[in-house]
Each structure stands twice: as C-alpha cells, then as structure tokens.
C-alpha atoms as a PDB file:
ATOM      1  CA  MET A   1     -28.847 -85.338  -4.140  1.00  0.00           C
ATOM      2  CA  THR A   2     -25.789 -86.267  -2.089  1.00  0.00           C
ATOM      3  CA  SER A   3     -26.118 -88.936   0.615  1.00  0.00           C
ATOM      4  CA  HIS A   4     -24.284 -91.680   2.492  1.00  0.00           C
ATOM      5  CA  GLU A   5     -25.242 -95.268   3.192  1.00  0.00           C
ATOM      6  CA  GLY A   6     -28.332 -95.795   5.325  1.00  0.00           C
ATOM      7  CA  ALA A   7     -27.824 -95.276   9.064  1.00  0.00           C
ATOM      8  CA  SER A   8     -28.781 -98.064  11.434  1.00  0.00           C
ATOM      9  CA  TYR A   9     -29.946 -97.442  14.988  1.00  0.00           C
ATOM     10  CA  SER A  10     -29.999 -99.836  17.925  1.00  0.00           C
ATOM     11  CA  GLY A  11     -33.363 -98.635  19.219  1.00  0.00           C
ATOM     12  CA  GLU A  12     -35.621 -95.603  18.956  1.00  0.00           C
ATOM     13  CA  GLU A  13     -35.345 -94.967  22.712  1.00  0.00           C
ATOM     14  CA  THR A  14     -31.674 -93.941  22.193  1.00  0.00           C
ATOM     15  CA  VAL A  15     -32.317 -91.845  19.082  1.00  0.00           C
ATOM     16  CA  LYS A  16     -32.517 -88.063  19.048  1.00  0.00           C
ATOM     17  CA  ALA A  17     -33.846 -85.804  16.303  1.00  0.00           C
ATOM     18  CA  TYR A  18     -33.409 -82.051  16.006  1.00  0.00           C
ATOM     19  CA  VAL A  19     -34.237 -79.219  13.655  1.00  0.00           C
ATOM     20  CA  LEU A  20     -31.364 -76.706  13.782  1.00  0.00           C
ATOM     21  CA  ARG A  21     -31.207 -73.134  12.563  1.00  0.00           C
ATOM     22  CA  VAL A  22     -27.563 -72.048  12.184  1.00  0.00           C
ATOM     23  CA  SER A  23     -26.970 -68.305  11.858  1.00  0.00           C
ATOM     24  CA  GLY A  24     -23.860 -66.315  11.017  1.00  0.00           C
ATOM     25  CA  ARG A  25     -21.657 -66.340   7.934  1.00  0.00           C
ATOM     26  CA  VAL A  26     -22.643 -69.845   6.875  1.00  0.00           C
ATOM     27  CA  GLN A  27     -23.673 -69.459   3.243  1.00  0.00           C
ATOM     28  CA  ARG A  28     -21.254 -69.319   0.291  1.00  0.00           C
ATOM     29  CA  VAL A  29     -18.425 -70.580   2.493  1.00  0.00           C
ATOM     30  CA  GLY A  30     -18.815 -74.334   1.932  1.00  0.00           C
ATOM     31  CA  TYR A  31     -20.682 -74.814   5.214  1.00  0.00           C
ATOM     32  CA  ARG A  32     -23.189 -77.376   3.863  1.00  0.00           C
ATOM     33  CA  LYS A  33     -20.248 -79.554   2.736  1.00  0.00           C
ATOM     34  CA  LEU A  34     -18.868 -79.379   6.273  1.00  0.00           C
ATOM     35  CA  VAL A  35     -22.264 -80.480   7.652  1.00  0.00           C
ATOM     36  CA  LEU A  36     -22.450 -83.374   5.170  1.00  0.00           C
ATOM     37  CA  ASP A  37     -18.902 -84.531   6.041  1.00  0.00           C
ATOM     38  CA  ALA A  38     -19.741 -84.437   9.782  1.00  0.00           C
ATOM     39  CA  ALA A  39     -22.938 -86.439   9.199  1.00  0.00           C
ATOM     40  CA  GLN A  40     -21.022 -89.079   7.277  1.00  0.00           C
ATOM     41  CA  GLU A  41     -18.337 -89.255   9.956  1.00  0.00           C
ATOM     42  CA  PHE A  42     -20.765 -89.690  12.876  1.00  0.00           C
ATOM     43  CA  GLU A  43     -23.346 -91.757  10.944  1.00  0.00           C
ATOM     44  CA  VAL A  44     -26.395 -89.596  11.406  1.00  0.00           C
ATOM     45  CA  SER A  45     -29.159 -89.004   8.877  1.00  0.00           C
ATOM     46  CA  GLY A  46     -31.098 -85.950   7.852  1.00  0.00           C
ATOM     47  CA  SER A  47     -30.633 -82.998   5.529  1.00  0.00           C
ATOM     48  CA  VAL A  48     -29.171 -79.498   5.241  1.00  0.00           C
ATOM     49  CA  ARG A  49     -30.376 -76.548   3.162  1.00  0.00           C
ATOM     50  CA  ASN A  50     -29.794 -72.835   2.749  1.00  0.00           C
ATOM     51  CA  VAL A  51     -32.539 -70.492   3.952  1.00  0.00           C
ATOM     52  CA  PRO A  52     -33.284 -67.191   2.136  1.00  0.00           C
ATOM     53  CA  ASP A  53     -32.506 -65.149   5.277  1.00  0.00           C
ATOM     54  CA  GLY A  54     -28.847 -66.271   5.114  1.00  0.00           C
ATOM     55  CA  SER A  55     -29.057 -68.989   7.734  1.00  0.00           C
ATOM     56  CA  VAL A  56     -28.809 -72.755   7.271  1.00  0.00           C
ATOM     57  CA  GLU A  57     -31.444 -75.260   8.347  1.00  0.00           C
ATOM     58  CA  ILE A  58     -30.451 -78.763   9.400  1.00  0.00           C
ATOM     59  CA  PHE A  59     -32.556 -81.758  10.243  1.00  0.00           C
ATOM     60  CA  VAL A  60     -30.518 -84.412  12.023  1.00  0.00           C
ATOM     61  CA  GLN A  61     -31.375 -87.655  13.741  1.00  0.00           C
ATOM     62  CA  GLY A  62     -29.346 -90.529  15.080  1.00  0.00           C
ATOM     63  CA  GLU A  63     -27.938 -92.131  18.175  1.00  0.00           C
ATOM     64  CA  ASP A  64     -27.757 -89.668  21.063  1.00  0.00           C
ATOM     65  CA  ASP A  65     -23.960 -89.777  21.311  1.00  0.00           C
ATOM     66  CA  SER A  66     -23.504 -89.470  17.545  1.00  0.00           C
ATOM     67  CA  VAL A  67     -25.846 -86.485  17.339  1.00  0.00           C
ATOM     68  CA  ALA A  68     -23.964 -84.768  20.178  1.00  0.00           C
ATOM     69  CA  LYS A  69     -20.644 -85.203  18.355  1.00  0.00           C
ATOM     70  CA  PHE A  70     -22.246 -83.958  15.135  1.00  0.00           C
ATOM     71  CA  LEU A  71     -23.504 -80.811  16.871  1.00  0.00           C
ATOM     72  CA  ASP A  72     -20.020 -80.078  18.222  1.00  0.00           C
ATOM     73  CA  ALA A  73     -18.419 -80.590  14.793  1.00  0.00           C
ATOM     74  CA  ILE A  74     -20.644 -78.107  12.938  1.00  0.00           C
ATOM     75  CA  ARG A  75     -20.096 -75.213  15.359  1.00  0.00           C
ATOM     76  CA  CYS A  76     -16.529 -74.401  14.251  1.00  0.00           C
ATOM     77  CA  PRO A  77     -16.229 -74.219  10.454  1.00  0.00           C
ATOM     78  CA  PRO A  78     -12.758 -73.475   9.011  1.00  0.00           C
ATOM     79  CA  LEU A  79     -14.372 -70.839   6.770  1.00  0.00           C
ATOM     80  CA  GLY A  80     -17.195 -68.547   7.777  1.00  0.00           C
ATOM     81  CA  GLN A  81     -18.463 -68.164  11.330  1.00  0.00           C
ATOM     82  CA  VAL A  82     -21.274 -69.689  13.345  1.00  0.00           C
ATOM     83  CA  GLU A  83     -22.879 -67.049  15.542  1.00  0.00           C
ATOM     84  CA  GLY A  84     -25.761 -69.082  16.883  1.00  0.00           C
ATOM     85  CA  VAL A  85     -27.445 -72.496  16.734  1.00  0.00           C
ATOM     86  CA  GLU A  86     -31.137 -72.795  17.585  1.00  0.00           C
ATOM     87  CA  GLU A  87     -32.071 -76.366  18.538  1.00  0.00           C
ATOM     88  CA  LYS A  88     -35.614 -77.729  18.496  1.00  0.00           C
ATOM     89  CA  GLU A  89     -36.349 -81.336  19.259  1.00  0.00           C
ATOM     90  CA  SER A  90     -38.152 -83.123  16.480  1.00  0.00           C
ATOM     91  CA  SER A  91     -39.748 -86.475  15.831  1.00  0.00           C
ATOM     92  CA  PHE A  92     -37.621 -89.351  14.610  1.00  0.00           C
ATOM     93  CA  ASN A  93     -38.403 -90.230  10.996  1.00  0.00           C
ATOM     94  CA  PRO A  94     -37.525 -93.864  10.249  1.00  0.00           C
ATOM     95  CA  GLU A  95     -37.907 -93.224   6.520  1.00  0.00           C
ATOM     96  CA  VAL A  96     -34.899 -90.864   6.516  1.00  0.00           C
ATOM     97  CA  GLN A  97     -31.971 -93.256   6.188  1.00  0.00           C
ATOM     98  CA  HIS A  98     -29.441 -90.926   4.584  1.00  0.00           C
ATOM     99  CA  PHE A  99     -28.037 -87.451   5.007  1.00  0.00           C
ATOM    100  CA  ARG A 100     -28.360 -85.204   1.983  1.00  0.00           C
ATOM    101  CA  VAL A 101     -27.832 -81.661   0.805  1.00  0.00           C
ATOM    102  CA  VAL A 102     -31.046 -80.031  -0.388  1.00  0.00           C
ATOM    103  CA  TYR A 103     -29.985 -77.862  -3.296  1.00  0.00           C
ATOM    104  CA  GLY A 104     -31.742 -74.672  -4.383  1.00  0.00           C
ATOM    105  CA  GLU A 105     -32.084 -72.994  -7.741  1.00  0.00           C
ATOM    106  CA  ILE A 106     -29.194 -73.372 -10.158  1.00  0.00           C
ATOM    107  CA  GLY A 107     -28.348 -69.659  -9.955  1.00  0.00           C
ATOM    108  CA  ASP A 108     -28.228 -69.787  -6.162  1.00  0.00           C
ATOM    109  CA  GLU A 109     -26.036 -72.881  -6.257  1.00  0.00           C
ATOM    110  CA  LEU A 110     -23.630 -71.222  -8.695  1.00  0.00           C
ATOM    111  CA  GLN A 111     -23.363 -68.241  -6.368  1.00  0.00           C
ATOM    112  CA  GLU A 112     -22.844 -70.651  -3.487  1.00  0.00           C
ATOM    113  CA  GLY A 113     -19.980 -72.359  -5.326  1.00  0.00           C
ATOM    114  CA  PHE A 114     -18.308 -69.145  -6.406  1.00  0.00           C
ATOM    115  CA  GLY A 115     -18.757 -67.698  -2.939  1.00  0.00           C
ATOM    116  CA  ALA A 116     -17.117 -70.737  -1.360  1.00  0.00           C
ATOM    117  CA  MET A 117     -14.166 -70.450  -3.727  1.00  0.00           C
ATOM    118  CA  GLN A 118     -13.877 -66.740  -2.949  1.00  0.00           C
ATOM    119  CA  SER A 119     -13.886 -67.499   0.787  1.00  0.00           C
ATOM    120  CA  VAL A 120     -11.121 -70.049   0.341  1.00  0.00           C
ATOM    121  CA  PHE A 121      -9.136 -67.577  -1.734  1.00  0.00           C
ATOM    122  CA  THR A 122      -9.674 -64.842   0.882  1.00  0.00           C
ATOM    123  CA  GLU A 123      -8.393 -67.099   3.658  1.00  0.00           C
ATOM    124  CA  TYR A 124      -5.336 -68.021   1.631  1.00  0.00           C
ATOM    125  CA  TRP A 125      -4.784 -64.330   0.896  1.00  0.00           C
ATOM    126  CA  LYS A 126      -4.955 -63.507   4.611  1.00  0.00           C
ATOM    127  CA  ASP A 127      -2.446 -66.237   5.339  1.00  0.00           C
ATOM    128  CA  PHE A 128      -0.244 -64.933   2.535  1.00  0.00           C
ATOM    129  CA  LYS A 129      -0.362 -61.421   3.979  1.00  0.00           C
ATOM    130  CA  ASP A 130       0.615 -62.821   7.379  1.00  0.00           C
ATOM    131  CA  TYR A 131       3.535 -64.685   5.812  1.00  0.00           C
ATOM    132  CA  ARG A 132       4.454 -61.593   3.846  1.00  0.00           C
ATOM    133  CA  ALA A 133       4.470 -59.537   7.053  1.00  0.00           C
ATOM    134  CA  GLU A 134       6.600 -62.222   8.699  1.00  0.00           C
ATOM    135  CA  PHE A 135       8.904 -62.218   5.688  1.00  0.00           C
ATOM    136  CA  SER A 136       9.190 -58.435   5.976  1.00  0.00           C
ATOM    137  CA  ASP A 137      10.278 -58.869   9.602  1.00  0.00           C
ATOM    138  CA  HIS A 138      12.886 -61.444   8.551  1.00  0.00           C
ATOM    139  CA  ARG A 139      14.017 -59.110   5.778  1.00  0.00           C
ATOM    140  CA  LYS A 140      14.422 -56.324   8.336  1.00  0.00           C
ATOM    141  CA  ASP A 141      16.454 -58.695  10.531  1.00  0.00           C
ATOM    142  CA  PHE A 142      18.545 -59.541   7.474  1.00  0.00           C
ATOM    143  CA  ARG A 143      19.167 -55.854   6.819  1.00  0.00           C
ATOM    144  CA  ASP A 144      20.217 -55.434  10.451  1.00  0.00           C
ATOM    145  CA  TYR A 145      22.570 -58.395  10.159  1.00  0.00           C
ATOM    146  CA  ARG A 146      23.888 -57.048   6.894  1.00  0.00           C
ATOM    147  CA  ALA A 147      24.527 -53.663   8.514  1.00  0.00           C
ATOM    148  CA  GLU A 148      26.264 -55.442  11.380  1.00  0.00           C
ATOM    149  CA  PHE A 149      28.281 -57.453   8.882  1.00  0.00           C
ATOM    150  CA  LYS A 150      29.320 -54.242   7.170  1.00  0.00           C
ATOM    151  CA  GLY A 151      30.591 -53.034  10.534  1.00  0.00           C
ATOM    152  CA  PHE A 152      32.598 -56.237  10.971  1.00  0.00           C
ATOM    153  CA  LYS A 153      33.828 -55.909   7.404  1.00  0.00           C
ATOM    154  CA  ALA A 154      35.034 -52.368   8.052  1.00  0.00           C
ATOM    155  CA  GLU A 155      36.690 -53.532  11.263  1.00  0.00           C
ATOM    156  CA  PHE A 156      38.287 -56.425   9.390  1.00  0.00           C
ATOM    157  CA  GLU A 157      39.582 -54.049   6.737  1.00  0.00           C
ATOM    158  CA  ASP A 158      41.092 -51.912   9.499  1.00  0.00           C
ATOM    159  CA  TYR A 159      42.801 -54.973  10.980  1.00  0.00           C
ATOM    160  CA  ARG A 160      43.970 -56.039   7.535  1.00  0.00           C
ATOM    161  CA  LYS A 161      45.404 -52.585   6.872  1.00  0.00           C
ATOM    162  CA  GLU A 162      47.086 -52.604  10.274  1.00  0.00           C
ATOM    163  CA  PHE A 163      48.544 -56.057   9.601  1.00  0.00           C
ATOM    164  CA  ARG A 164      49.741 -54.952   6.167  1.00  0.00           C
ATOM    165  CA  ASP A 165      51.457 -51.920   7.708  1.00  0.00           C
ATOM    166  CA  TYR A 166      53.029 -54.134  10.354  1.00  0.00           C
ATOM    167  CA  ALA A 167      54.250 -56.568   7.688  1.00  0.00           C
ATOM    168  CA  GLU A 168      55.742 -53.714   5.696  1.00  0.00           C
ATOM    169  CA  ARG A 169      57.509 -52.335   8.789  1.00  0.00           C
ATOM    170  CA  THR A 170      58.786 -55.829   9.625  1.00  0.00           C
ATOM    171  CA  ASP A 171      60.111 -56.274   6.093  1.00  0.00           C
ATOM    172  CA  ARG A 172      61.912 -52.949   6.282  1.00  0.00           C
ATOM    173  CA  ASN A 173      63.418 -53.807   9.667  1.00  0.00           C
ATOM    174  CA  PHE A 174      64.620 -57.191   8.415  1.00  0.00           C
ATOM    175  CA  GLN A 175      66.132 -55.509   5.364  1.00  0.00           C
ATOM    176  CA  ILE A 176      67.964 -53.038   7.619  1.00  0.00           C
ATOM    177  CA  ILE A 177      69.231 -55.926   9.756  1.00  0.00           C
ATOM    178  CA  LEU A 178      70.417 -57.777   6.662  1.00  0.00           C
ATOM    179  CA  ASP A 179      72.180 -54.670   5.391  1.00  0.00           C
ATOM    180  CA  ARG A 180      73.839 -54.133   8.762  1.00  0.00           C
ATOM    181  CA  TYR A 181      74.799 -57.786   8.931  1.00  0.00           C
ATOM    182  CA  GLY A 182      76.389 -57.488   5.497  1.00  0.00           C
ATOM    183  CA  GLU A 183      78.405 -54.481   6.632  1.00  0.00           C
ATOM    184  CA  ILE A 184      79.471 -56.216   9.839  1.00  0.00           C
ATOM    185  CA  SER A 185      80.365 -59.369   7.914  1.00  0.00           C
ATOM    186  CA  ASP A 186      82.547 -57.404   5.505  1.00  0.00           C
ATOM    187  CA  LYS A 187      84.335 -55.664   8.366  1.00  0.00           C
ATOM    188  CA  LEU A 188      84.895 -58.915  10.191  1.00  0.00           C
ATOM    189  CA  THR A 189      86.331 -60.399   7.026  1.00  0.00           C
ATOM    190  CA  VAL A 190      88.790 -57.489   6.703  1.00  0.00           C
ATOM    191  CA  ILE A 191      89.777 -57.804  10.346  1.00  0.00           C
ATOM    192  CA  LEU A 192      90.337 -61.536  10.037  1.00  0.00           C
ATOM    193  CA  GLU A 193      92.372 -61.119   6.871  1.00  0.00           C
ATOM    194  CA  THR A 194      94.465 -58.424   8.563  1.00  0.00           C
ATOM    195  CA  LEU A 195      95.051 -60.589  11.605  1.00  0.00           C
ATOM    196  CA  VAL A 196      96.076 -63.528   9.434  1.00  0.00           C
ATOM    197  CA  LYS A 197      98.461 -61.335   7.403  1.00  0.00           C
ATOM    198  CA  GLU A 198      99.991 -59.740  10.486  1.00  0.00           C
ATOM    199  CA  SER A 199     100.311 -63.111  12.161  1.00  0.00           C
ATOM    200  CA  ARG A 200     102.243 -64.461   9.154  1.00  0.00           C
ATOM    201  CA  GLU A 201     104.610 -61.461   9.076  1.00  0.00           C
ATOM    202  CA  THR A 202     105.096 -61.720  12.800  1.00  0.00           C
ATOM    203  CA  ARG A 203     105.999 -65.362  12.542  1.00  0.00           C
ATOM    204  CA  GLU A 204     108.530 -64.565   9.743  1.00  0.00           C
ATOM    205  CA  ILE A 205     110.196 -61.884  11.886  1.00  0.00           C
ATOM    206  CA  LEU A 206     110.336 -64.200  14.885  1.00  0.00           C
ATOM    207  CA  ASN A 207     111.780 -66.979  12.781  1.00  0.00           C
ATOM    208  CA  GLU A 208     114.457 -64.589  11.372  1.00  0.00           C
ATOM    209  CA  ASN A 209     115.379 -63.441  14.880  1.00  0.00           C
ATOM    210  CA  ILE A 210     115.577 -66.989  16.113  1.00  0.00           C
ATOM    211  CA  ARG A 211     117.865 -67.867  13.176  1.00  0.00           C
ATOM    212  CA  LEU A 212     120.172 -64.927  13.896  1.00  0.00           C
ATOM    213  CA  LEU A 213     120.228 -65.737  17.584  1.00  0.00           C
ATOM    214  CA  LYS A 214     121.123 -69.306  16.836  1.00  0.00           C
ATOM    215  CA  GLU A 215     123.986 -68.208  14.547  1.00  0.00           C
ATOM    216  CA  SER A 216     125.301 -65.920  17.263  1.00  0.00           C
ATOM    217  CA  VAL A 217     125.199 -68.717  19.817  1.00  0.00           C
ATOM    218  CA  ASP A 218     127.050 -71.016  17.437  1.00  0.00           C
ATOM    219  CA  LYS A 219     129.803 -68.410  16.873  1.00  0.00           C
ATOM    220  CA  LEU A 220     130.238 -67.832  20.581  1.00  0.00           C
ATOM    221  CA  THR A 221     130.504 -71.542  21.161  1.00  0.00           C
ATOM    222  CA  LYS A 222     133.216 -71.920  18.542  1.00  0.00           C
ATOM    223  CA  ALA A 223     135.117 -68.974  19.865  1.00  0.00           C
END
C-alpha cells in the first residue's frame, strides 16, 4: 500500500468527495502513479484502482478547491489518453486519511509495470523518429549546401585558373620587356661609347688645327 501523510480538513462543510470512473487508455501507462502524485500534491485522500473493463476507479475527498485542482491534473496524462471522466458525488469518509493505490493480482501488476515501461519506450521512440525525420531534413539541407559549395568550388577553380593564366601572361610580358630593355641598353651603350670616341678624335683634330693656325700667325707676325 502506498500513501501520504494524513490529510487535514478545516471543516466538513467545505469538503467534497467523489467516485470517478476514468475511461480511455489509462491502464499499463503509469496512470495510477500520476493520480497518486496529484493526490500528494493537492493533499487529498482516497484511493485508485484498475477495473477489469480497462477503466480506472478513483475515490477522492478533500477541500473543495484541492479536489478541483486534483480533477484538472488527472485529465491530461503524459502517457495514455483520458477519453472520459464520470463523476458521482459520494459521502465524506473521515476514516480515510491517506491516498493509496489499490493493487490487484501479482500477474496483473507485472503486466501493468511492463506495459508502463513499454508506453514510455514507445513515446521515446516516437520522439526519436521525429528527431530522425528532422535530422533527415537537416541532412538534406547539408547536401544542398554541399552541392552549392561544389558550385562555388568549381567557380573558384575557374577564377584560380584564370588568375594563373594571367600571371603567366604577365610573367611573359615582363620577360619580353626585360629582354627589350637589355637590347636597348646595349645599343645605348654602343652609341655613348661611339659619341665619346668621336668627341675625343674631334677634339684632337681641333687642337691640331688650332696649333697649326697659331704657328701660321706667329710666322706672319715675324715676317
């Protein structure tokens, strides 16, 4: 028997008691544990048990506000599904001070436990399939990006080839310029050397003529 500490109530005039019949997928999904947790949270007393027809029966009593919150909490289980809740008012039982799970035969309880684990596993598997589908979408996006990257890579290779061709043409042009500069430099050197040589010979001839002219002038003066 599982229970919580005894509930205390301010007065019977504010206390409500109900017998509930919860239908839907509420067995072998851990639903009784959910009901027990809600009872402990809202400090109500009573009991919960599985019914052979697949439904769950709950007896709950407590302060009106607490019972209302309890009823809201048990309608939306994370596993399974509540399809209907039949509510019948009942008499307050002051001897019921705790909330407990009424267990059945050991075989039924084993099936309940295994069923709850299977439900948890199924939910995780559904979530995994959703993530796997999402991952497949991301993988498709990655393939698209990779295909786009390949396009950029091909374009980059084209630009690289074009740049390499341009560099090769530039190198050839510079080499031609250097060769032409070498030829021009050699020719300028020859021209300069020729000018220097001719200038020296010219100066020697002029000097010789000036010497002869001077001698002639001296002879005329003496005569």
